[in-house]
Amino acid sequence: MPRKSEEDFVRNLKSNRDIESYFAVFEKSLKVAKTGDKFVAFKLSDRTGVITAICGFGDKANKINDAISVGQIVKVKGRVQERDGGCNIFIDLSTGGKIESCVETDYELSDFTRVSEKNRDALMKEILETISDLENSYLKRILSAFFEDSSFKDKFYNCPSAQVVHHNYIGGLLEHTAGVLTICKSVCKVYPELDKDLLLASAILHDIGKSVTYNYDRLTIEISEEGKLLEHVIIAVNMIRDKITELGDMPEDLSMKLFHMVLSHHGEVENGWGSPVSPQIPEAFALHHADNLDAKVKRSVSQLGDW
């Protein structure tokens, strides 16, 4: 089967040039330009990242939108354009540009499967060793209960951390959690007065709701119905509450702090980032900034189109 050439992977699309290559359709939407013309905006992906493509103005927009589906592999002929510090692909149908569906013999599926490049077994080992080292027996017990559940552990190991913004690939949740955990361990060295066990336990649990927020396969990531209606922060708190109820012996003040850590990890409510309550305790401030740092730096250093 033909392979994508190295220069045509998303991470290498950094200059104005013509391109004819294969991509997976990650997302699509029918839009209207300022001129009133319809066009189709695609998010195209391969194993290295995601890039926007614009195609099909006027009457052709509806036909293209109907012909191409999310999850398909397509062959694209267009022009890479530098824009707003990144790149997109402009598919000009009037000058020979095209986007068309492919059959399985046209491509190698591994070119399009986006998976964490980190050693996931090593990341999981770090998390499990951290749980083992916790001194707070209540926190250790609830974390152990989650990660001794093979179904939860498998989802946590494979789940993406986002649909688009950061760590949006298989294993992204594990990679992001391990990154936040590492930052929090460093913060504890600078501020030894923090409740270390609370902070590290919360770093591990803060995004567990994402394990049921996303439906995903080797090519696509979609938000589940539960994810749409509740969002991962509330889902995580519900998961933790159910586990506490099941175990039955966590002190109320500790469980309240644990809930607060998860609920506030997106920062101040007025930021509009999804926290229903602003951080109120030092450990919550530390978790928020660790989470934000890992997400923002990952997006910045990746330099992969729309990642």
C-alpha atoms as a PDB file:
ATOM      1  CA  MET A   1       0.000   0.000   0.000  1.00  0.00           C
ATOM      2  CA  PRO A   2       1.255   3.541  -0.734  1.00  0.00           C
ATOM      3  CA  ARG A   3       2.616   5.554   2.165  1.00  0.00           C
ATOM      4  CA  LYS A   4       2.388   9.294   2.693  1.00  0.00           C
ATOM      5  CA  SER A   5       5.638  11.040   1.874  1.00  0.00           C
ATOM      6  CA  GLU A   6       7.393  12.583   4.863  1.00  0.00           C
ATOM      7  CA  GLU A   7       7.034  16.120   3.501  1.00  0.00           C
ATOM      8  CA  ASP A   8       3.249  15.715   3.292  1.00  0.00           C
ATOM      9  CA  PHE A   9       2.666  14.894   6.966  1.00  0.00           C
ATOM     10  CA  VAL A  10       0.860  17.714   8.799  1.00  0.00           C
ATOM     11  CA  ARG A  11       3.810  18.501  11.033  1.00  0.00           C
ATOM     12  CA  ASN A  12       5.887  19.324   7.943  1.00  0.00           C
ATOM     13  CA  LEU A  13       3.366  21.589   6.205  1.00  0.00           C
ATOM     14  CA  LYS A  14       5.047  24.891   7.006  1.00  0.00           C
ATOM     15  CA  SER A  15       5.352  26.742   3.697  1.00  0.00           C
ATOM     16  CA  ASN A  16       3.318  27.835   0.693  1.00  0.00           C
ATOM     17  CA  ARG A  17       3.317  24.954  -1.782  1.00  0.00           C
ATOM     18  CA  ASP A  18       1.105  22.620  -3.761  1.00  0.00           C
ATOM     19  CA  ILE A  19       0.158  19.311  -2.199  1.00  0.00           C
ATOM     20  CA  GLU A  20      -1.476  16.087  -3.325  1.00  0.00           C
ATOM     21  CA  SER A  21      -1.731  13.605  -0.495  1.00  0.00           C
ATOM     22  CA  TYR A  22      -3.990  11.541   1.763  1.00  0.00           C
ATOM     23  CA  PHE A  23      -5.669  12.635   4.991  1.00  0.00           C
ATOM     24  CA  ALA A  24      -8.345  11.401   7.391  1.00  0.00           C
ATOM     25  CA  VAL A  25     -11.454  13.572   7.762  1.00  0.00           C
ATOM     26  CA  PHE A  26     -11.445  14.486  11.430  1.00  0.00           C
ATOM     27  CA  GLU A  27     -14.262  17.052  11.310  1.00  0.00           C
ATOM     28  CA  LYS A  28     -16.319  18.990   8.750  1.00  0.00           C
ATOM     29  CA  SER A  29     -18.823  21.841   8.737  1.00  0.00           C
ATOM     30  CA  LEU A  30     -20.803  23.733   6.107  1.00  0.00           C
ATOM     31  CA  LYS A  31     -20.243  27.472   6.548  1.00  0.00           C
ATOM     32  CA  VAL A  32     -21.117  30.791   4.921  1.00  0.00           C
ATOM     33  CA  ALA A  33     -18.422  33.297   3.892  1.00  0.00           C
ATOM     34  CA  LYS A  34     -18.754  37.074   4.281  1.00  0.00           C
ATOM     35  CA  THR A  35     -19.668  37.172   0.586  1.00  0.00           C
ATOM     36  CA  GLY A  36     -22.653  34.952   1.288  1.00  0.00           C
ATOM     37  CA  ASP A  37     -21.159  31.940  -0.505  1.00  0.00           C
ATOM     38  CA  LYS A  38     -21.268  28.555   1.183  1.00  0.00           C
ATOM     39  CA  PHE A  39     -18.058  26.572   1.694  1.00  0.00           C
ATOM     40  CA  VAL A  40     -16.938  23.452   3.526  1.00  0.00           C
ATOM     41  CA  ALA A  41     -14.350  23.680   6.301  1.00  0.00           C
ATOM     42  CA  PHE A  42     -12.593  20.392   7.010  1.00  0.00           C
ATOM     43  CA  LYS A  43     -10.292  19.320   9.798  1.00  0.00           C
ATOM     44  CA  LEU A  44      -7.925  16.870   8.130  1.00  0.00           C
ATOM     45  CA  SER A  45      -5.542  14.689  10.096  1.00  0.00           C
ATOM     46  CA  ASP A  46      -2.759  12.163   9.909  1.00  0.00           C
ATOM     47  CA  ARG A  47      -0.696  10.560  12.660  1.00  0.00           C
ATOM     48  CA  THR A  48       1.258  13.797  13.183  1.00  0.00           C
ATOM     49  CA  GLY A  49      -1.535  16.329  13.611  1.00  0.00           C
ATOM     50  CA  VAL A  50      -4.577  18.193  12.327  1.00  0.00           C
ATOM     51  CA  ILE A  51      -4.886  20.921   9.693  1.00  0.00           C
ATOM     52  CA  THR A  52      -7.805  22.986   8.372  1.00  0.00           C
ATOM     53  CA  ALA A  53      -8.812  22.715   4.701  1.00  0.00           C
ATOM     54  CA  ILE A  54     -11.252  25.001   2.885  1.00  0.00           C
ATOM     55  CA  CYS A  55     -13.123  23.713  -0.158  1.00  0.00           C
ATOM     56  CA  GLY A  56     -16.194  24.088  -2.330  1.00  0.00           C
ATOM     57  CA  PHE A  57     -17.682  27.541  -2.675  1.00  0.00           C
ATOM     58  CA  GLY A  58     -21.191  28.186  -3.966  1.00  0.00           C
ATOM     59  CA  ASP A  59     -23.324  25.372  -5.330  1.00  0.00           C
ATOM     60  CA  LYS A  60     -20.462  22.859  -5.108  1.00  0.00           C
ATOM     61  CA  ALA A  61     -20.291  23.220  -1.335  1.00  0.00           C
ATOM     62  CA  ASN A  62     -23.435  21.171  -0.706  1.00  0.00           C
ATOM     63  CA  LYS A  63     -22.294  18.384  -3.044  1.00  0.00           C
ATOM     64  CA  ILE A  64     -18.898  18.114  -1.371  1.00  0.00           C
ATOM     65  CA  ASN A  65     -20.418  18.230   2.094  1.00  0.00           C
ATOM     66  CA  ASP A  66     -22.743  15.357   1.186  1.00  0.00           C
ATOM     67  CA  ALA A  67     -20.034  13.320  -0.543  1.00  0.00           C
ATOM     68  CA  ILE A  68     -17.395  13.384   2.217  1.00  0.00           C
ATOM     69  CA  SER A  69     -17.959  11.889   5.687  1.00  0.00           C
ATOM     70  CA  VAL A  70     -16.098  12.181   8.976  1.00  0.00           C
ATOM     71  CA  GLY A  71     -13.825   9.173   9.443  1.00  0.00           C
ATOM     72  CA  GLN A  72     -13.097   8.689   5.755  1.00  0.00           C
ATOM     73  CA  ILE A  73      -9.640   8.729   4.214  1.00  0.00           C
ATOM     74  CA  VAL A  74      -9.579  11.232   1.358  1.00  0.00           C
ATOM     75  CA  LYS A  75      -7.150  12.265  -1.337  1.00  0.00           C
ATOM     76  CA  VAL A  76      -6.606  16.006  -1.361  1.00  0.00           C
ATOM     77  CA  LYS A  77      -5.132  18.165  -4.080  1.00  0.00           C
ATOM     78  CA  GLY A  78      -4.703  21.797  -3.109  1.00  0.00           C
ATOM     79  CA  ARG A  79      -2.315  24.441  -1.893  1.00  0.00           C
ATOM     80  CA  VAL A  80      -0.753  24.827   1.537  1.00  0.00           C
ATOM     81  CA  GLN A  81      -1.079  28.437   2.720  1.00  0.00           C
ATOM     82  CA  GLU A  82       0.561  30.138   5.682  1.00  0.00           C
ATOM     83  CA  ARG A  83      -2.052  31.855   7.839  1.00  0.00           C
ATOM     84  CA  ASP A  84      -2.207  33.268  11.375  1.00  0.00           C
ATOM     85  CA  GLY A  85       1.079  31.695  12.395  1.00  0.00           C
ATOM     86  CA  GLY A  86       0.098  28.291  11.035  1.00  0.00           C
ATOM     87  CA  CYS A  87      -1.033  26.692   7.801  1.00  0.00           C
ATOM     88  CA  ASN A  88      -4.178  25.540   6.082  1.00  0.00           C
ATOM     89  CA  ILE A  89      -4.961  23.878   2.768  1.00  0.00           C
ATOM     90  CA  PHE A  90      -6.999  25.705   0.161  1.00  0.00           C
ATOM     91  CA  ILE A  91      -8.707  23.378  -2.310  1.00  0.00           C
ATOM     92  CA  ASP A  92      -9.594  25.429  -5.387  1.00  0.00           C
ATOM     93  CA  LEU A  93     -11.931  23.305  -7.488  1.00  0.00           C
ATOM     94  CA  SER A  94     -11.805  25.786 -10.362  1.00  0.00           C
ATOM     95  CA  THR A  95      -8.072  25.169 -10.895  1.00  0.00           C
ATOM     96  CA  GLY A  96      -7.954  21.369 -10.506  1.00  0.00           C
ATOM     97  CA  GLY A  97      -8.127  21.097  -6.735  1.00  0.00           C
ATOM     98  CA  LYS A  98     -10.029  18.129  -5.338  1.00  0.00           C
ATOM     99  CA  ILE A  99     -11.040  16.152  -2.291  1.00  0.00           C
ATOM    100  CA  GLU A 100     -12.302  12.648  -2.931  1.00  0.00           C
ATOM    101  CA  SER A 101     -12.915   9.426  -1.046  1.00  0.00           C
ATOM    102  CA  CYS A 102     -10.396   6.580  -1.208  1.00  0.00           C
ATOM    103  CA  VAL A 103     -10.545   2.810  -0.973  1.00  0.00           C
ATOM    104  CA  GLU A 104      -8.473   0.826   1.525  1.00  0.00           C
ATOM    105  CA  THR A 105      -5.890  -0.178  -1.060  1.00  0.00           C
ATOM    106  CA  ASP A 106      -5.020   3.500  -1.641  1.00  0.00           C
ATOM    107  CA  TYR A 107      -3.405   4.105   1.755  1.00  0.00           C
ATOM    108  CA  GLU A 108      -1.654   2.681   4.812  1.00  0.00           C
ATOM    109  CA  LEU A 109      -3.909   3.057   7.874  1.00  0.00           C
ATOM    110  CA  SER A 110      -0.958   3.517  10.255  1.00  0.00           C
ATOM    111  CA  ASP A 111      -0.241   6.862   8.555  1.00  0.00           C
ATOM    112  CA  PHE A 112      -3.446   8.229  10.072  1.00  0.00           C
ATOM    113  CA  THR A 113      -3.661   6.678  13.540  1.00  0.00           C
ATOM    114  CA  ARG A 114      -2.649   9.317  16.070  1.00  0.00           C
ATOM    115  CA  VAL A 115      -1.139   7.749  19.194  1.00  0.00           C
ATOM    116  CA  SER A 116       0.925   9.183  22.030  1.00  0.00           C
ATOM    117  CA  GLU A 117       4.618   9.006  21.252  1.00  0.00           C
ATOM    118  CA  LYS A 118       5.438   8.544  24.935  1.00  0.00           C
ATOM    119  CA  ASN A 119       6.029   5.144  26.550  1.00  0.00           C
ATOM    120  CA  ARG A 120       2.552   4.609  27.975  1.00  0.00           C
ATOM    121  CA  ASP A 121       3.590   1.646  30.092  1.00  0.00           C
ATOM    122  CA  ALA A 122       6.212   3.824  31.782  1.00  0.00           C
ATOM    123  CA  LEU A 123       3.660   6.606  32.333  1.00  0.00           C
ATOM    124  CA  MET A 124       1.191   4.183  33.893  1.00  0.00           C
ATOM    125  CA  LYS A 125       3.945   2.758  36.089  1.00  0.00           C
ATOM    126  CA  GLU A 126       4.706   6.275  37.373  1.00  0.00           C
ATOM    127  CA  ILE A 127       1.057   6.794  38.263  1.00  0.00           C
ATOM    128  CA  LEU A 128       0.744   3.429  40.018  1.00  0.00           C
ATOM    129  CA  GLU A 129       3.961   3.984  41.968  1.00  0.00           C
ATOM    130  CA  THR A 130       2.708   7.405  43.047  1.00  0.00           C
ATOM    131  CA  ILE A 131      -0.497   5.817  44.334  1.00  0.00           C
ATOM    132  CA  SER A 132       1.528   3.212  46.216  1.00  0.00           C
ATOM    133  CA  ASP A 133       3.630   5.935  47.865  1.00  0.00           C
ATOM    134  CA  LEU A 134       0.680   7.973  49.169  1.00  0.00           C
ATOM    135  CA  GLU A 135       0.578   8.216  52.944  1.00  0.00           C
ATOM    136  CA  ASN A 136      -3.085   9.188  53.212  1.00  0.00           C
ATOM    137  CA  SER A 137      -4.841   5.834  53.448  1.00  0.00           C
ATOM    138  CA  TYR A 138      -8.192   7.199  52.272  1.00  0.00           C
ATOM    139  CA  LEU A 139      -6.780   8.732  49.108  1.00  0.00           C
ATOM    140  CA  LYS A 140      -4.651   5.672  48.436  1.00  0.00           C
ATOM    141  CA  ARG A 141      -7.679   3.429  48.790  1.00  0.00           C
ATOM    142  CA  ILE A 142      -9.894   5.349  46.371  1.00  0.00           C
ATOM    143  CA  LEU A 143      -7.136   5.672  43.764  1.00  0.00           C
ATOM    144  CA  SER A 144      -6.306   1.984  44.077  1.00  0.00           C
ATOM    145  CA  ALA A 145      -9.976   1.126  43.617  1.00  0.00           C
ATOM    146  CA  PHE A 146     -10.045   2.998  40.313  1.00  0.00           C
ATOM    147  CA  PHE A 147      -6.807   1.619  38.912  1.00  0.00           C
ATOM    148  CA  GLU A 148      -7.398  -1.957  40.046  1.00  0.00           C
ATOM    149  CA  ASP A 149     -10.512  -1.914  37.865  1.00  0.00           C
ATOM    150  CA  SER A 150      -9.228  -3.288  34.555  1.00  0.00           C
ATOM    151  CA  SER A 151     -12.058  -1.697  32.555  1.00  0.00           C
ATOM    152  CA  PHE A 152     -11.324   1.782  33.914  1.00  0.00           C
ATOM    153  CA  LYS A 153      -7.576   1.287  33.579  1.00  0.00           C
ATOM    154  CA  ASP A 154      -7.869   0.272  29.914  1.00  0.00           C
ATOM    155  CA  LYS A 155     -10.016   3.322  29.117  1.00  0.00           C
ATOM    156  CA  PHE A 156      -7.610   5.605  30.980  1.00  0.00           C
ATOM    157  CA  TYR A 157      -4.659   4.082  29.097  1.00  0.00           C
ATOM    158  CA  ASN A 158      -6.146   4.626  25.641  1.00  0.00           C
ATOM    159  CA  CYS A 159      -8.451   7.643  25.921  1.00  0.00           C
ATOM    160  CA  PRO A 160      -7.599  10.972  24.249  1.00  0.00           C
ATOM    161  CA  SER A 161      -7.458  14.041  26.469  1.00  0.00           C
ATOM    162  CA  ALA A 162      -9.344  16.317  24.078  1.00  0.00           C
ATOM    163  CA  GLN A 163     -11.090  16.364  20.736  1.00  0.00           C
ATOM    164  CA  VAL A 164      -8.909  19.101  19.224  1.00  0.00           C
ATOM    165  CA  VAL A 165      -7.067  21.379  21.652  1.00  0.00           C
ATOM    166  CA  HIS A 166      -4.304  19.304  23.292  1.00  0.00           C
ATOM    167  CA  HIS A 167      -3.238  15.663  23.666  1.00  0.00           C
ATOM    168  CA  ASN A 168      -5.994  14.793  21.161  1.00  0.00           C
ATOM    169  CA  TYR A 169      -4.864  11.279  20.288  1.00  0.00           C
ATOM    170  CA  ILE A 170      -4.934   7.750  21.662  1.00  0.00           C
ATOM    171  CA  GLY A 171      -3.138   7.737  25.013  1.00  0.00           C
ATOM    172  CA  GLY A 172      -3.476  11.507  25.376  1.00  0.00           C
ATOM    173  CA  LEU A 173      -5.301  11.351  28.718  1.00  0.00           C
ATOM    174  CA  LEU A 174      -2.587   9.196  30.269  1.00  0.00           C
ATOM    175  CA  GLU A 175       0.169  11.415  28.853  1.00  0.00           C
ATOM    176  CA  HIS A 176      -1.500  14.624  30.054  1.00  0.00           C
ATOM    177  CA  THR A 177      -2.228  13.205  33.515  1.00  0.00           C
ATOM    178  CA  ALA A 178       1.370  12.068  33.925  1.00  0.00           C
ATOM    179  CA  GLY A 179       2.558  15.518  32.824  1.00  0.00           C
ATOM    180  CA  VAL A 180       0.336  17.282  35.350  1.00  0.00           C
ATOM    181  CA  LEU A 181       1.454  14.831  38.032  1.00  0.00           C
ATOM    182  CA  THR A 182       5.131  15.547  37.327  1.00  0.00           C
ATOM    183  CA  ILE A 183       4.554  19.308  37.538  1.00  0.00           C
ATOM    184  CA  CYS A 184       2.666  18.922  40.820  1.00  0.00           C
ATOM    185  CA  LYS A 185       5.526  16.892  42.306  1.00  0.00           C
ATOM    186  CA  SER A 186       7.880  19.749  41.450  1.00  0.00           C
ATOM    187  CA  VAL A 187       5.491  22.279  43.005  1.00  0.00           C
ATOM    188  CA  CYS A 188       5.519  20.252  46.227  1.00  0.00           C
ATOM    189  CA  LYS A 189       9.303  20.608  46.397  1.00  0.00           C
ATOM    190  CA  VAL A 190       8.998  24.387  46.142  1.00  0.00           C
ATOM    191  CA  TYR A 191       6.044  24.536  48.566  1.00  0.00           C
ATOM    192  CA  PRO A 192       6.510  21.680  51.065  1.00  0.00           C
ATOM    193  CA  GLU A 193       3.692  23.100  53.198  1.00  0.00           C
ATOM    194  CA  LEU A 194       1.128  21.914  50.645  1.00  0.00           C
ATOM    195  CA  ASP A 195      -0.913  18.782  51.286  1.00  0.00           C
ATOM    196  CA  LYS A 196       1.147  16.655  48.920  1.00  0.00           C
ATOM    197  CA  ASP A 197      -1.122  13.612  48.946  1.00  0.00           C
ATOM    198  CA  LEU A 198      -4.212  15.703  48.176  1.00  0.00           C
ATOM    199  CA  LEU A 199      -2.470  17.463  45.297  1.00  0.00           C
ATOM    200  CA  LEU A 200      -1.000  14.312  43.737  1.00  0.00           C
ATOM    201  CA  ALA A 201      -4.222  12.343  44.137  1.00  0.00           C
ATOM    202  CA  SER A 202      -6.164  15.174  42.519  1.00  0.00           C
ATOM    203  CA  ALA A 203      -3.640  15.407  39.680  1.00  0.00           C
ATOM    204  CA  ILE A 204      -4.316  11.752  38.892  1.00  0.00           C
ATOM    205  CA  LEU A 205      -8.105  12.046  39.215  1.00  0.00           C
ATOM    206  CA  HIS A 206      -8.799  15.504  37.795  1.00  0.00           C
ATOM    207  CA  ASP A 207      -9.600  14.371  34.231  1.00  0.00           C
ATOM    208  CA  ILE A 208     -10.920  10.833  34.766  1.00  0.00           C
ATOM    209  CA  GLY A 209     -14.290  12.009  33.462  1.00  0.00           C
ATOM    210  CA  LYS A 210     -12.743  12.122  30.010  1.00  0.00           C
ATOM    211  CA  SER A 211     -12.655   8.322  30.015  1.00  0.00           C
ATOM    212  CA  VAL A 212     -16.399   8.433  29.259  1.00  0.00           C
ATOM    213  CA  THR A 213     -16.563  11.875  27.609  1.00  0.00           C
ATOM    214  CA  TYR A 214     -15.121  10.714  24.285  1.00  0.00           C
ATOM    215  CA  ASN A 215     -16.041   8.055  21.763  1.00  0.00           C
ATOM    216  CA  TYR A 216     -13.014   7.366  19.602  1.00  0.00           C
ATOM    217  CA  ASP A 217     -11.404   4.962  17.201  1.00  0.00           C
ATOM    218  CA  ARG A 218      -8.173   4.963  15.174  1.00  0.00           C
ATOM    219  CA  LEU A 219      -9.308   7.910  13.060  1.00  0.00           C
ATOM    220  CA  THR A 220     -11.896   9.998  14.901  1.00  0.00           C
ATOM    221  CA  ILE A 221     -12.684  11.483  18.299  1.00  0.00           C
ATOM    222  CA  GLU A 222     -16.283  12.424  19.085  1.00  0.00           C
ATOM    223  CA  ILE A 223     -17.956  13.676  22.245  1.00  0.00           C
ATOM    224  CA  SER A 224     -20.300  11.144  23.809  1.00  0.00           C
ATOM    225  CA  GLU A 225     -23.864  12.008  24.752  1.00  0.00           C
ATOM    226  CA  GLU A 226     -22.893  12.030  28.429  1.00  0.00           C
ATOM    227  CA  GLY A 227     -19.956  14.284  27.585  1.00  0.00           C
ATOM    228  CA  LYS A 228     -22.214  16.734  25.784  1.00  0.00           C
ATOM    229  CA  LEU A 229     -24.760  16.913  28.590  1.00  0.00           C
ATOM    230  CA  LEU A 230     -22.514  16.863  31.672  1.00  0.00           C
ATOM    231  CA  GLU A 231     -18.919  17.636  30.575  1.00  0.00           C
ATOM    232  CA  HIS A 232     -15.875  15.866  31.979  1.00  0.00           C
ATOM    233  CA  VAL A 233     -15.541  17.906  35.188  1.00  0.00           C
ATOM    234  CA  ILE A 234     -18.989  16.941  36.479  1.00  0.00           C
ATOM    235  CA  ILE A 235     -18.591  13.378  35.214  1.00  0.00           C
ATOM    236  CA  ALA A 236     -15.320  13.063  37.159  1.00  0.00           C
ATOM    237  CA  VAL A 237     -16.915  14.294  40.387  1.00  0.00           C
ATOM    238  CA  ASN A 238     -19.791  11.830  39.939  1.00  0.00           C
ATOM    239  CA  MET A 239     -17.324   8.991  39.380  1.00  0.00           C
ATOM    240  CA  ILE A 240     -15.369   9.927  42.504  1.00  0.00           C
ATOM    241  CA  ARG A 241     -18.535  10.335  44.570  1.00  0.00           C
ATOM    242  CA  ASP A 242     -19.783   6.915  43.488  1.00  0.00           C
ATOM    243  CA  LYS A 243     -16.443   5.355  44.404  1.00  0.00           C
ATOM    244  CA  ILE A 244     -16.436   7.037  47.817  1.00  0.00           C
ATOM    245  CA  THR A 245     -19.978   5.772  48.428  1.00  0.00           C
ATOM    246  CA  GLU A 246     -18.903   2.286  47.406  1.00  0.00           C
ATOM    247  CA  LEU A 247     -15.906   2.318  49.755  1.00  0.00           C
ATOM    248  CA  GLY A 248     -17.854   4.078  52.459  1.00  0.00           C
ATOM    249  CA  ASP A 249     -15.298   5.531  54.868  1.00  0.00           C
ATOM    250  CA  MET A 250     -13.713   8.759  53.582  1.00  0.00           C
ATOM    251  CA  PRO A 251     -13.962  11.717  55.999  1.00  0.00           C
ATOM    252  CA  GLU A 252     -16.368  14.373  54.745  1.00  0.00           C
ATOM    253  CA  ASP A 253     -13.845  17.222  54.874  1.00  0.00           C
ATOM    254  CA  LEU A 254     -11.374  15.233  52.749  1.00  0.00           C
ATOM    255  CA  SER A 255     -13.982  14.243  50.171  1.00  0.00           C
ATOM    256  CA  MET A 256     -15.130  17.872  49.966  1.00  0.00           C
ATOM    257  CA  LYS A 257     -11.560  19.025  49.265  1.00  0.00           C
ATOM    258  CA  LEU A 258     -11.154  16.318  46.632  1.00  0.00           C
ATOM    259  CA  PHE A 259     -14.375  17.392  44.909  1.00  0.00           C
ATOM    260  CA  HIS A 260     -13.244  21.014  45.049  1.00  0.00           C
ATOM    261  CA  MET A 261      -9.900  20.176  43.452  1.00  0.00           C
ATOM    262  CA  VAL A 262     -11.596  18.547  40.478  1.00  0.00           C
ATOM    263  CA  LEU A 263     -14.358  21.140  40.129  1.00  0.00           C
ATOM    264  CA  SER A 264     -11.944  24.089  40.174  1.00  0.00           C
ATOM    265  CA  HIS A 265      -9.062  22.738  38.091  1.00  0.00           C
ATOM    266  CA  HIS A 266      -9.960  24.925  35.094  1.00  0.00           C
ATOM    267  CA  GLY A 267      -9.384  28.028  37.190  1.00  0.00           C
ATOM    268  CA  GLU A 268     -11.503  31.041  38.051  1.00  0.00           C
ATOM    269  CA  VAL A 269     -15.150  30.835  37.032  1.00  0.00           C
ATOM    270  CA  GLU A 270     -14.954  34.188  35.258  1.00  0.00           C
ATOM    271  CA  ASN A 271     -12.379  32.737  32.828  1.00  0.00           C
ATOM    272  CA  GLY A 272     -15.175  30.741  31.273  1.00  0.00           C
ATOM    273  CA  TRP A 273     -13.023  27.611  30.971  1.00  0.00           C
ATOM    274  CA  GLY A 274     -15.549  25.269  32.547  1.00  0.00           C
ATOM    275  CA  SER A 275     -14.928  25.363  36.289  1.00  0.00           C
ATOM    276  CA  PRO A 276     -18.203  25.744  38.232  1.00  0.00           C
ATOM    277  CA  VAL A 277     -16.221  27.026  41.225  1.00  0.00           C
ATOM    278  CA  SER A 278     -12.981  28.994  41.496  1.00  0.00           C
ATOM    279  CA  PRO A 279      -9.945  27.572  43.361  1.00  0.00           C
ATOM    280  CA  GLN A 280     -10.172  28.315  47.095  1.00  0.00           C
ATOM    281  CA  ILE A 281      -7.273  26.383  48.629  1.00  0.00           C
ATOM    282  CA  PRO A 282      -3.546  26.409  47.767  1.00  0.00           C
ATOM    283  CA  GLU A 283      -3.576  22.887  46.365  1.00  0.00           C
ATOM    284  CA  ALA A 284      -6.421  23.826  43.994  1.00  0.00           C
ATOM    285  CA  PHE A 285      -4.456  26.809  42.661  1.00  0.00           C
ATOM    286  CA  ALA A 286      -1.446  24.555  42.126  1.00  0.00           C
ATOM    287  CA  LEU A 287      -3.487  21.927  40.280  1.00  0.00           C
ATOM    288  CA  HIS A 288      -5.120  24.500  38.017  1.00  0.00           C
ATOM    289  CA  HIS A 289      -1.826  26.021  36.949  1.00  0.00           C
ATOM    290  CA  ALA A 290      -0.192  22.612  36.487  1.00  0.00           C
ATOM    291  CA  ASP A 291      -3.081  21.501  34.283  1.00  0.00           C
ATOM    292  CA  ASN A 292      -3.045  24.741  32.295  1.00  0.00           C
ATOM    293  CA  LEU A 293       0.743  24.667  31.910  1.00  0.00           C
ATOM    294  CA  ASP A 294       0.830  21.122  30.566  1.00  0.00           C
ATOM    295  CA  ALA A 295      -2.022  21.761  28.120  1.00  0.00           C
ATOM    296  CA  LYS A 296      -0.707  25.099  26.838  1.00  0.00           C
ATOM    297  CA  VAL A 297       2.925  24.039  26.512  1.00  0.00           C
ATOM    298  CA  LYS A 298       1.935  20.816  24.747  1.00  0.00           C
ATOM    299  CA  ARG A 299      -0.076  22.770  22.216  1.00  0.00           C
ATOM    300  CA  SER A 300       2.734  25.269  21.711  1.00  0.00           C
ATOM    301  CA  VAL A 301       5.668  22.884  21.321  1.00  0.00           C
ATOM    302  CA  SER A 302       3.818  20.443  19.094  1.00  0.00           C
ATOM    303  CA  GLN A 303       3.797  22.917  16.192  1.00  0.00           C
ATOM    304  CA  LEU A 304       1.416  20.624  14.381  1.00  0.00           C
ATOM    305  CA  GLY A 305      -1.065  22.733  12.479  1.00  0.00           C
ATOM    306  CA  ASP A 306      -4.229  23.046  14.554  1.00  0.00           C
ATOM    307  CA  TRP A 307      -3.037  20.990  17.562  1.00  0.00           C
END
